[in-house]
């Protein structure tokens, strides 16, 4: 294996959320590896509206988070 599967799965989860308004846990992608199973999961899930992160306005300085 070359790796990178979790990164691809994370991108898939984000795209599904954006396109279908369904939030699928990452572990579910690995448990349901076929398109048919993922489609079934999407149909059986309740809607979870996708909200993108808004761009910060232009500022000279930006506050740091506690992690930074």
C-alpha atoms as a PDB file:
ATOM      1  CA  UNK A   1       0.000   0.000   0.000  1.00  0.00           C
ATOM      2  CA  UNK A   2       1.138   3.512  -0.740  1.00  0.00           C
ATOM      3  CA  UNK A   3      -1.064   5.211   1.849  1.00  0.00           C
ATOM      4  CA  UNK A   4      -3.113   8.365   1.568  1.00  0.00           C
ATOM      5  CA  UNK A   5      -6.420   6.519   1.859  1.00  0.00           C
ATOM      6  CA  UNK A   6      -7.570   8.470   4.912  1.00  0.00           C
ATOM      7  CA  UNK A   7      -6.866  11.754   3.114  1.00  0.00           C
ATOM      8  CA  UNK A   8      -8.917  10.637   0.118  1.00  0.00           C
ATOM      9  CA  UNK A   9     -11.691   9.410   2.413  1.00  0.00           C
ATOM     10  CA  UNK A  10     -11.713  12.756   4.255  1.00  0.00           C
ATOM     11  CA  UNK A  11     -12.096  14.567   0.928  1.00  0.00           C
ATOM     12  CA  UNK A  12     -14.928  12.199  -0.006  1.00  0.00           C
ATOM     13  CA  UNK A  13     -16.720  12.815   3.309  1.00  0.00           C
ATOM     14  CA  UNK A  14     -16.465  16.596   2.798  1.00  0.00           C
ATOM     15  CA  UNK A  15     -17.748  16.363  -0.774  1.00  0.00           C
ATOM     16  CA  UNK A  16     -20.675  14.138   0.215  1.00  0.00           C
ATOM     17  CA  UNK A  17     -21.563  16.579   2.986  1.00  0.00           C
ATOM     18  CA  UNK A  18     -21.438  19.514   0.579  1.00  0.00           C
ATOM     19  CA  UNK A  19     -23.374  17.814  -2.257  1.00  0.00           C
ATOM     20  CA  UNK A  20     -25.962  15.798  -0.304  1.00  0.00           C
ATOM     21  CA  UNK A  21     -26.130  17.602   3.082  1.00  0.00           C
ATOM     22  CA  UNK A  22     -25.307  14.342   4.859  1.00  0.00           C
ATOM     23  CA  UNK A  23     -22.489  14.136   7.375  1.00  0.00           C
ATOM     24  CA  UNK A  24     -20.882  10.687   7.172  1.00  0.00           C
ATOM     25  CA  UNK A  25     -18.360   9.678   9.827  1.00  0.00           C
ATOM     26  CA  UNK A  26     -14.967   8.838   8.347  1.00  0.00           C
ATOM     27  CA  UNK A  27     -15.061   5.331   9.813  1.00  0.00           C
ATOM     28  CA  UNK A  28     -18.286   4.696   7.873  1.00  0.00           C
ATOM     29  CA  UNK A  29     -16.444   5.161   4.563  1.00  0.00           C
ATOM     30  CA  UNK A  30     -14.089   2.331   5.504  1.00  0.00           C
ATOM     31  CA  UNK A  31     -16.939   0.145   6.836  1.00  0.00           C
ATOM     32  CA  UNK A  32     -19.019   0.632   3.658  1.00  0.00           C
ATOM     33  CA  UNK A  33     -16.460   0.457   0.855  1.00  0.00           C
ATOM     34  CA  UNK A  34     -18.849   0.207  -2.107  1.00  0.00           C
ATOM     35  CA  UNK A  35     -20.774   2.995  -3.818  1.00  0.00           C
ATOM     36  CA  UNK A  36     -24.025   1.078  -3.303  1.00  0.00           C
ATOM     37  CA  UNK A  37     -23.442   0.842   0.461  1.00  0.00           C
ATOM     38  CA  UNK A  38     -22.481   4.519   0.728  1.00  0.00           C
ATOM     39  CA  UNK A  39     -25.569   5.503  -1.308  1.00  0.00           C
ATOM     40  CA  UNK A  40     -27.738   3.443   1.035  1.00  0.00           C
ATOM     41  CA  UNK A  41     -26.151   5.164   4.050  1.00  0.00           C
ATOM     42  CA  UNK A  42     -26.820   8.591   2.491  1.00  0.00           C
ATOM     43  CA  UNK A  43     -30.473   7.718   1.815  1.00  0.00           C
ATOM     44  CA  UNK A  44     -30.983   6.493   5.391  1.00  0.00           C
ATOM     45  CA  UNK A  45     -29.282   9.510   7.014  1.00  0.00           C
ATOM     46  CA  UNK A  46     -30.923  12.696   8.167  1.00  0.00           C
ATOM     47  CA  UNK A  47     -29.951  16.001   6.608  1.00  0.00           C
ATOM     48  CA  UNK A  48     -27.045  17.980   8.053  1.00  0.00           C
ATOM     49  CA  UNK A  49     -26.613  21.340   6.328  1.00  0.00           C
ATOM     50  CA  UNK A  50     -23.145  22.070   4.993  1.00  0.00           C
ATOM     51  CA  UNK A  51     -21.626  25.394   6.039  1.00  0.00           C
ATOM     52  CA  UNK A  52     -18.353  26.500   4.541  1.00  0.00           C
ATOM     53  CA  UNK A  53     -15.830  28.471   6.564  1.00  0.00           C
ATOM     54  CA  UNK A  54     -16.075  32.157   5.816  1.00  0.00           C
ATOM     55  CA  UNK A  55     -12.979  34.026   4.709  1.00  0.00           C
ATOM     56  CA  UNK A  56     -11.516  36.372   7.315  1.00  0.00           C
ATOM     57  CA  UNK A  57     -11.502  40.030   6.406  1.00  0.00           C
ATOM     58  CA  UNK A  58      -8.266  41.874   5.611  1.00  0.00           C
ATOM     59  CA  UNK A  59      -6.477  42.962   8.783  1.00  0.00           C
ATOM     60  CA  UNK A  60      -2.938  44.017   9.681  1.00  0.00           C
ATOM     61  CA  UNK A  61      -2.806  41.308  12.372  1.00  0.00           C
ATOM     62  CA  UNK A  62      -4.947  38.296  13.153  1.00  0.00           C
ATOM     63  CA  UNK A  63      -5.576  36.888  16.659  1.00  0.00           C
ATOM     64  CA  UNK A  64      -3.931  33.566  17.396  1.00  0.00           C
ATOM     65  CA  UNK A  65      -5.780  30.559  18.719  1.00  0.00           C
ATOM     66  CA  UNK A  66      -4.786  28.907  22.003  1.00  0.00           C
ATOM     67  CA  UNK A  67      -3.147  26.085  20.024  1.00  0.00           C
ATOM     68  CA  UNK A  68      -0.913  28.490  18.121  1.00  0.00           C
END
